Amino acid sequence: MKILSRREWTLLLFIFIYSFIPAFGGLFRISEFTGGPAVLPENLRALAVPLPIVLHILCSSLFCLLGAVQFLPSIRRHRPATHRAIGCAVVISGSISAATGVWMTHYYAFPDELQGNMLYWVRIILGLSMVSLIGCAVFAIRSRNIFLHGASIVRAYAIGQGASTQTFLGIGWILVIGTEPLGSLRDGMMVFAWVLNLLFAEYLIGKFLMPKKSAA
């Protein structure tokens, strides 16, 4: 039986491609930790304490890829058991992704050109917010609050997809300007990527999730 519509397949393919570059780069980093060839620039922070970044890469990739499936109406409608099972994996992977992101932000020593004070606090706030939103989504669905469940997970997903938007903005900047953004410019670009994601999330929530007002 055909489950997904053509529009849903297109949406799924788009999100997978959008999530691919940061996920693919992360897999290269994990390969280095297991003795593979060094493809990416050396990261002394990760080499010193690799477990948090390995968990972050794996769980962020799972969260972004599996989370995309959760937005497909046909899966929710025709495969509710699958939706619940994937939802459990999304909750666990998203929570670990956010928690390890906060841990690395606080405990890894970043040079000033890679993380200034503003980016530090934005990462901390958004990481904690992502955990809170995932928790809110879980409590909301248990109380049958479908709107709050959906809105919370969409906002958490927007935060989790920050690396994808940051990657595309960074690649675009390099192609146009010719140099990698560093320092306050890099910090601002990374924060701007999260702003774009969250604004788009609010648009989606208002357009597709907000309960429609009945006519008087």
C-alpha atoms as a PDB file:
ATOM      1  CA  MET A   1       0.000   0.000   0.000  1.00  0.00           C
ATOM      2  CA  LYS A   2       1.275   3.415  -0.892  1.00  0.00           C
ATOM      3  CA  ILE A   3       1.779   5.361   2.342  1.00  0.00           C
ATOM      4  CA  LEU A   4       3.581   8.576   1.428  1.00  0.00           C
ATOM      5  CA  SER A   5       2.367  11.088  -1.122  1.00  0.00           C
ATOM      6  CA  ARG A   6       4.683  12.594  -3.710  1.00  0.00           C
ATOM      7  CA  ARG A   7       4.750  15.848  -1.732  1.00  0.00           C
ATOM      8  CA  GLU A   8       5.797  13.975   1.412  1.00  0.00           C
ATOM      9  CA  TRP A   9       8.574  12.145  -0.430  1.00  0.00           C
ATOM     10  CA  THR A  10       9.800  15.493  -1.751  1.00  0.00           C
ATOM     11  CA  LEU A  11       9.755  17.004   1.754  1.00  0.00           C
ATOM     12  CA  LEU A  12      11.568  14.003   3.200  1.00  0.00           C
ATOM     13  CA  LEU A  13      14.229  14.081   0.481  1.00  0.00           C
ATOM     14  CA  PHE A  14      14.763  17.829   0.960  1.00  0.00           C
ATOM     15  CA  ILE A  15      15.264  17.493   4.736  1.00  0.00           C
ATOM     16  CA  PHE A  16      17.595  14.525   4.291  1.00  0.00           C
ATOM     17  CA  ILE A  17      19.743  16.485   1.826  1.00  0.00           C
ATOM     18  CA  TYR A  18      19.642  19.550   4.073  1.00  0.00           C
ATOM     19  CA  SER A  19      20.837  17.470   7.029  1.00  0.00           C
ATOM     20  CA  PHE A  20      23.406  15.528   5.018  1.00  0.00           C
ATOM     21  CA  ILE A  21      26.423  17.861   4.950  1.00  0.00           C
ATOM     22  CA  PRO A  22      26.867  18.370   8.729  1.00  0.00           C
ATOM     23  CA  ALA A  23      26.021  14.698   9.370  1.00  0.00           C
ATOM     24  CA  PHE A  24      28.514  13.550   6.728  1.00  0.00           C
ATOM     25  CA  GLY A  25      31.233  15.796   8.155  1.00  0.00           C
ATOM     26  CA  GLY A  26      30.520  14.426  11.614  1.00  0.00           C
ATOM     27  CA  LEU A  27      30.939  10.846  10.399  1.00  0.00           C
ATOM     28  CA  PHE A  28      34.373  11.782   9.044  1.00  0.00           C
ATOM     29  CA  ARG A  29      35.272  13.070  12.511  1.00  0.00           C
ATOM     30  CA  ILE A  30      34.121   9.833  14.153  1.00  0.00           C
ATOM     31  CA  SER A  31      36.146   7.859  11.595  1.00  0.00           C
ATOM     32  CA  GLU A  32      39.265   9.748  12.700  1.00  0.00           C
ATOM     33  CA  PHE A  33      38.651   8.777  16.325  1.00  0.00           C
ATOM     34  CA  THR A  34      38.600   5.099  15.337  1.00  0.00           C
ATOM     35  CA  GLY A  35      41.892   5.294  13.450  1.00  0.00           C
ATOM     36  CA  GLY A  36      40.656   6.390  10.036  1.00  0.00           C
ATOM     37  CA  PRO A  37      42.422   8.956   7.831  1.00  0.00           C
ATOM     38  CA  ALA A  38      42.426  12.587   8.983  1.00  0.00           C
ATOM     39  CA  VAL A  39      40.181  14.342   6.457  1.00  0.00           C
ATOM     40  CA  LEU A  40      39.043  17.325   8.552  1.00  0.00           C
ATOM     41  CA  PRO A  41      41.326  19.851  10.323  1.00  0.00           C
ATOM     42  CA  GLU A  42      42.639  18.533  13.640  1.00  0.00           C
ATOM     43  CA  ASN A  43      40.392  19.267  16.630  1.00  0.00           C
ATOM     44  CA  LEU A  44      42.423  19.006  19.837  1.00  0.00           C
ATOM     45  CA  ARG A  45      39.324  19.493  21.997  1.00  0.00           C
ATOM     46  CA  ALA A  46      37.639  16.486  20.459  1.00  0.00           C
ATOM     47  CA  LEU A  47      40.792  14.361  20.557  1.00  0.00           C
ATOM     48  CA  ALA A  48      41.239  15.038  24.270  1.00  0.00           C
ATOM     49  CA  VAL A  49      37.640  14.118  25.247  1.00  0.00           C
ATOM     50  CA  PRO A  50      35.992  12.447  22.226  1.00  0.00           C
ATOM     51  CA  LEU A  51      32.909  10.848  23.829  1.00  0.00           C
ATOM     52  CA  PRO A  52      30.711  13.989  24.024  1.00  0.00           C
ATOM     53  CA  ILE A  53      31.324  14.952  20.421  1.00  0.00           C
ATOM     54  CA  VAL A  54      30.767  11.383  19.181  1.00  0.00           C
ATOM     55  CA  LEU A  55      27.440  11.223  21.042  1.00  0.00           C
ATOM     56  CA  HIS A  56      26.547  14.698  19.781  1.00  0.00           C
ATOM     57  CA  ILE A  57      27.251  13.834  16.149  1.00  0.00           C
ATOM     58  CA  LEU A  58      25.388  10.523  16.200  1.00  0.00           C
ATOM     59  CA  CYS A  59      22.388  11.780  18.168  1.00  0.00           C
ATOM     60  CA  SER A  60      22.106  15.045  16.215  1.00  0.00           C
ATOM     61  CA  SER A  61      22.072  13.096  12.945  1.00  0.00           C
ATOM     62  CA  LEU A  62      19.413  10.702  14.253  1.00  0.00           C
ATOM     63  CA  PHE A  63      17.325  13.567  15.599  1.00  0.00           C
ATOM     64  CA  CYS A  64      17.376  15.477  12.311  1.00  0.00           C
ATOM     65  CA  LEU A  65      16.795  12.475  10.046  1.00  0.00           C
ATOM     66  CA  LEU A  66      14.228  10.601  12.136  1.00  0.00           C
ATOM     67  CA  GLY A  67      12.563  13.858  13.127  1.00  0.00           C
ATOM     68  CA  ALA A  68      11.832  14.542   9.471  1.00  0.00           C
ATOM     69  CA  VAL A  69       9.713  11.374   9.309  1.00  0.00           C
ATOM     70  CA  GLN A  70       7.623  12.578  12.255  1.00  0.00           C
ATOM     71  CA  PHE A  71       6.346  15.541  10.255  1.00  0.00           C
ATOM     72  CA  LEU A  72       4.752  13.369   7.566  1.00  0.00           C
ATOM     73  CA  PRO A  73       0.938  13.319   7.992  1.00  0.00           C
ATOM     74  CA  SER A  74       0.596   9.920   6.300  1.00  0.00           C
ATOM     75  CA  ILE A  75       2.844   8.235   8.871  1.00  0.00           C
ATOM     76  CA  ARG A  76       0.919   9.764  11.770  1.00  0.00           C
ATOM     77  CA  ARG A  77      -2.414   8.843  10.178  1.00  0.00           C
ATOM     78  CA  HIS A  78      -1.744   5.346   8.847  1.00  0.00           C
ATOM     79  CA  ARG A  79       1.159   4.150  11.016  1.00  0.00           C
ATOM     80  CA  PRO A  80       0.562   5.529  14.528  1.00  0.00           C
ATOM     81  CA  ALA A  81       2.643   2.765  16.145  1.00  0.00           C
ATOM     82  CA  THR A  82       5.566   3.659  13.866  1.00  0.00           C
ATOM     83  CA  HIS A  83       5.090   7.325  14.708  1.00  0.00           C
ATOM     84  CA  ARG A  84       5.247   6.556  18.446  1.00  0.00           C
ATOM     85  CA  ALA A  85       8.294   4.293  18.113  1.00  0.00           C
ATOM     86  CA  ILE A  86      10.215   6.848  16.048  1.00  0.00           C
ATOM     87  CA  GLY A  87       9.059   9.531  18.479  1.00  0.00           C
ATOM     88  CA  CYS A  88      10.767   7.718  21.351  1.00  0.00           C
ATOM     89  CA  ALA A  89      14.016   7.610  19.372  1.00  0.00           C
ATOM     90  CA  VAL A  90      13.640  11.301  18.501  1.00  0.00           C
ATOM     91  CA  VAL A  91      13.112  12.245  22.158  1.00  0.00           C
ATOM     92  CA  ILE A  92      16.172  10.302  23.324  1.00  0.00           C
ATOM     93  CA  SER A  93      18.494  11.380  20.501  1.00  0.00           C
ATOM     94  CA  GLY A  94      17.368  15.003  20.669  1.00  0.00           C
ATOM     95  CA  SER A  95      17.854  15.202  24.426  1.00  0.00           C
ATOM     96  CA  ILE A  96      21.350  13.698  24.220  1.00  0.00           C
ATOM     97  CA  SER A  97      22.222  15.986  21.302  1.00  0.00           C
ATOM     98  CA  ALA A  98      21.187  19.078  23.245  1.00  0.00           C
ATOM     99  CA  ALA A  99      22.803  17.949  26.512  1.00  0.00           C
ATOM    100  CA  THR A 100      26.142  17.130  24.890  1.00  0.00           C
ATOM    101  CA  GLY A 101      26.000  20.424  22.990  1.00  0.00           C
ATOM    102  CA  VAL A 102      25.655  22.318  26.271  1.00  0.00           C
ATOM    103  CA  TRP A 103      28.439  20.235  27.836  1.00  0.00           C
ATOM    104  CA  MET A 104      30.864  20.894  24.974  1.00  0.00           C
ATOM    105  CA  THR A 105      30.009  24.595  24.883  1.00  0.00           C
ATOM    106  CA  HIS A 106      30.845  24.968  28.580  1.00  0.00           C
ATOM    107  CA  TYR A 107      33.749  22.557  29.051  1.00  0.00           C
ATOM    108  CA  TYR A 108      35.617  22.631  25.731  1.00  0.00           C
ATOM    109  CA  ALA A 109      38.072  25.498  25.372  1.00  0.00           C
ATOM    110  CA  PHE A 110      37.275  27.354  22.144  1.00  0.00           C
ATOM    111  CA  PRO A 111      39.575  29.993  20.618  1.00  0.00           C
ATOM    112  CA  ASP A 112      37.985  33.439  20.424  1.00  0.00           C
ATOM    113  CA  GLU A 113      37.688  33.280  16.646  1.00  0.00           C
ATOM    114  CA  LEU A 114      35.456  30.188  16.937  1.00  0.00           C
ATOM    115  CA  GLN A 115      33.302  31.138  19.914  1.00  0.00           C
ATOM    116  CA  GLY A 116      32.865  34.520  21.544  1.00  0.00           C
ATOM    117  CA  ASN A 117      30.836  35.369  24.618  1.00  0.00           C
ATOM    118  CA  MET A 118      27.620  35.935  22.666  1.00  0.00           C
ATOM    119  CA  LEU A 119      27.782  32.575  20.877  1.00  0.00           C
ATOM    120  CA  TYR A 120      28.604  30.823  24.170  1.00  0.00           C
ATOM    121  CA  TRP A 121      25.447  32.094  25.855  1.00  0.00           C
ATOM    122  CA  VAL A 122      23.247  31.531  22.810  1.00  0.00           C
ATOM    123  CA  ARG A 123      24.422  27.917  22.622  1.00  0.00           C
ATOM    124  CA  ILE A 124      23.776  27.393  26.338  1.00  0.00           C
ATOM    125  CA  ILE A 125      20.305  28.963  26.217  1.00  0.00           C
ATOM    126  CA  LEU A 126      19.235  27.157  23.052  1.00  0.00           C
ATOM    127  CA  GLY A 127      20.588  23.809  24.242  1.00  0.00           C
ATOM    128  CA  LEU A 128      18.660  24.038  27.504  1.00  0.00           C
ATOM    129  CA  SER A 129      15.605  25.290  25.615  1.00  0.00           C
ATOM    130  CA  MET A 130      15.778  22.311  23.268  1.00  0.00           C
ATOM    131  CA  VAL A 131      15.750  19.862  26.188  1.00  0.00           C
ATOM    132  CA  SER A 132      12.841  21.754  27.757  1.00  0.00           C
ATOM    133  CA  LEU A 133      10.869  21.782  24.508  1.00  0.00           C
ATOM    134  CA  ILE A 134      11.342  18.041  24.008  1.00  0.00           C
ATOM    135  CA  GLY A 135      10.176  17.437  27.572  1.00  0.00           C
ATOM    136  CA  CYS A 136       7.193  19.704  26.995  1.00  0.00           C
ATOM    137  CA  ALA A 137       6.314  17.762  23.833  1.00  0.00           C
ATOM    138  CA  VAL A 138       6.335  14.486  25.782  1.00  0.00           C
ATOM    139  CA  PHE A 139       4.116  15.809  28.587  1.00  0.00           C
ATOM    140  CA  ALA A 140       1.805  17.478  26.066  1.00  0.00           C
ATOM    141  CA  ILE A 141       1.107  14.285  24.105  1.00  0.00           C
ATOM    142  CA  ARG A 142       0.452  12.382  27.318  1.00  0.00           C
ATOM    143  CA  SER A 143      -2.183  14.951  28.213  1.00  0.00           C
ATOM    144  CA  ARG A 144      -3.557  14.807  24.639  1.00  0.00           C
ATOM    145  CA  ASN A 145      -2.578  18.397  23.888  1.00  0.00           C
ATOM    146  CA  ILE A 146      -1.815  17.823  20.218  1.00  0.00           C
ATOM    147  CA  PHE A 147      -1.109  21.465  19.374  1.00  0.00           C
ATOM    148  CA  LEU A 148       1.400  21.980  22.203  1.00  0.00           C
ATOM    149  CA  HIS A 149       3.053  18.654  21.360  1.00  0.00           C
ATOM    150  CA  GLY A 150       3.498  19.576  17.716  1.00  0.00           C
ATOM    151  CA  ALA A 151       4.547  23.181  18.363  1.00  0.00           C
ATOM    152  CA  SER A 152       7.130  22.141  20.958  1.00  0.00           C
ATOM    153  CA  ILE A 153       8.751  19.504  18.779  1.00  0.00           C
ATOM    154  CA  VAL A 154       8.825  21.819  15.742  1.00  0.00           C
ATOM    155  CA  ARG A 155      10.660  24.455  17.801  1.00  0.00           C
ATOM    156  CA  ALA A 156      13.072  21.861  19.191  1.00  0.00           C
ATOM    157  CA  TYR A 157      13.690  20.577  15.667  1.00  0.00           C
ATOM    158  CA  ALA A 158      14.425  24.109  14.457  1.00  0.00           C
ATOM    159  CA  ILE A 159      17.104  24.429  17.139  1.00  0.00           C
ATOM    160  CA  GLY A 160      18.515  20.979  16.340  1.00  0.00           C
ATOM    161  CA  GLN A 161      18.770  21.848  12.643  1.00  0.00           C
ATOM    162  CA  GLY A 162      20.904  24.891  13.429  1.00  0.00           C
ATOM    163  CA  ALA A 163      24.086  23.189  12.193  1.00  0.00           C
ATOM    164  CA  SER A 164      22.535  22.563   8.767  1.00  0.00           C
ATOM    165  CA  THR A 165      21.565  26.204   8.258  1.00  0.00           C
ATOM    166  CA  GLN A 166      24.926  27.345   9.637  1.00  0.00           C
ATOM    167  CA  THR A 167      26.719  25.052   7.189  1.00  0.00           C
ATOM    168  CA  PHE A 168      24.837  26.382   4.167  1.00  0.00           C
ATOM    169  CA  LEU A 169      25.312  30.010   5.259  1.00  0.00           C
ATOM    170  CA  GLY A 170      29.019  29.360   5.819  1.00  0.00           C
ATOM    171  CA  ILE A 171      29.444  27.701   2.420  1.00  0.00           C
ATOM    172  CA  GLY A 172      27.562  30.560   0.769  1.00  0.00           C
ATOM    173  CA  TRP A 173      29.783  33.124   2.489  1.00  0.00           C
ATOM    174  CA  ILE A 174      32.965  31.340   1.375  1.00  0.00           C
ATOM    175  CA  LEU A 175      31.733  31.075  -2.208  1.00  0.00           C
ATOM    176  CA  VAL A 176      30.843  34.783  -2.365  1.00  0.00           C
ATOM    177  CA  ILE A 177      33.572  36.357  -0.230  1.00  0.00           C
ATOM    178  CA  GLY A 178      36.302  33.758  -0.607  1.00  0.00           C
ATOM    179  CA  THR A 179      37.285  33.471   3.057  1.00  0.00           C
ATOM    180  CA  GLU A 180      35.900  31.661   6.100  1.00  0.00           C
ATOM    181  CA  PRO A 181      34.035  33.926   8.555  1.00  0.00           C
ATOM    182  CA  LEU A 182      35.731  34.109  11.954  1.00  0.00           C
ATOM    183  CA  GLY A 183      35.338  35.972  15.233  1.00  0.00           C
ATOM    184  CA  SER A 184      32.283  38.126  15.789  1.00  0.00           C
ATOM    185  CA  LEU A 185      31.235  37.709  12.151  1.00  0.00           C
ATOM    186  CA  ARG A 186      31.140  33.933  12.545  1.00  0.00           C
ATOM    187  CA  ASP A 187      29.300  34.204  15.845  1.00  0.00           C
ATOM    188  CA  GLY A 188      26.708  36.493  14.315  1.00  0.00           C
ATOM    189  CA  MET A 189      26.211  34.231  11.313  1.00  0.00           C
ATOM    190  CA  MET A 190      25.670  31.177  13.529  1.00  0.00           C
ATOM    191  CA  VAL A 191      23.172  33.005  15.725  1.00  0.00           C
ATOM    192  CA  PHE A 192      21.419  34.327  12.615  1.00  0.00           C
ATOM    193  CA  ALA A 193      21.004  30.742  11.361  1.00  0.00           C
ATOM    194  CA  TRP A 194      19.108  29.818  14.533  1.00  0.00           C
ATOM    195  CA  VAL A 195      16.984  32.958  14.219  1.00  0.00           C
ATOM    196  CA  LEU A 196      16.037  31.974  10.663  1.00  0.00           C
ATOM    197  CA  ASN A 197      15.154  28.443  11.763  1.00  0.00           C
ATOM    198  CA  LEU A 198      13.017  29.604  14.666  1.00  0.00           C
ATOM    199  CA  LEU A 199      11.197  32.196  12.553  1.00  0.00           C
ATOM    200  CA  PHE A 200      10.429  29.514   9.970  1.00  0.00           C
ATOM    201  CA  ALA A 201       9.254  27.216  12.766  1.00  0.00           C
ATOM    202  CA  GLU A 202       6.807  29.854  13.983  1.00  0.00           C
ATOM    203  CA  TYR A 203       5.535  30.280  10.430  1.00  0.00           C
ATOM    204  CA  LEU A 204       4.917  26.528  10.134  1.00  0.00           C
ATOM    205  CA  ILE A 205       3.226  26.405  13.517  1.00  0.00           C
ATOM    206  CA  GLY A 206       0.901  29.267  12.617  1.00  0.00           C
ATOM    207  CA  LYS A 207       0.094  27.891   9.175  1.00  0.00           C
ATOM    208  CA  PHE A 208      -0.272  24.156   9.818  1.00  0.00           C
ATOM    209  CA  LEU A 209      -0.650  23.515  13.564  1.00  0.00           C
ATOM    210  CA  MET A 210      -2.610  26.430  14.983  1.00  0.00           C
ATOM    211  CA  PRO A 211      -6.240  25.392  15.577  1.00  0.00           C
ATOM    212  CA  LYS A 212      -8.507  27.028  13.026  1.00  0.00           C
ATOM    213  CA  LYS A 213     -11.021  29.484  14.441  1.00  0.00           C
ATOM    214  CA  SER A 214     -14.557  28.442  13.752  1.00  0.00           C
ATOM    215  CA  ALA A 215     -16.785  30.870  11.903  1.00  0.00           C
ATOM    216  CA  ALA A 216     -19.208  32.828  14.100  1.00  0.00           C
END
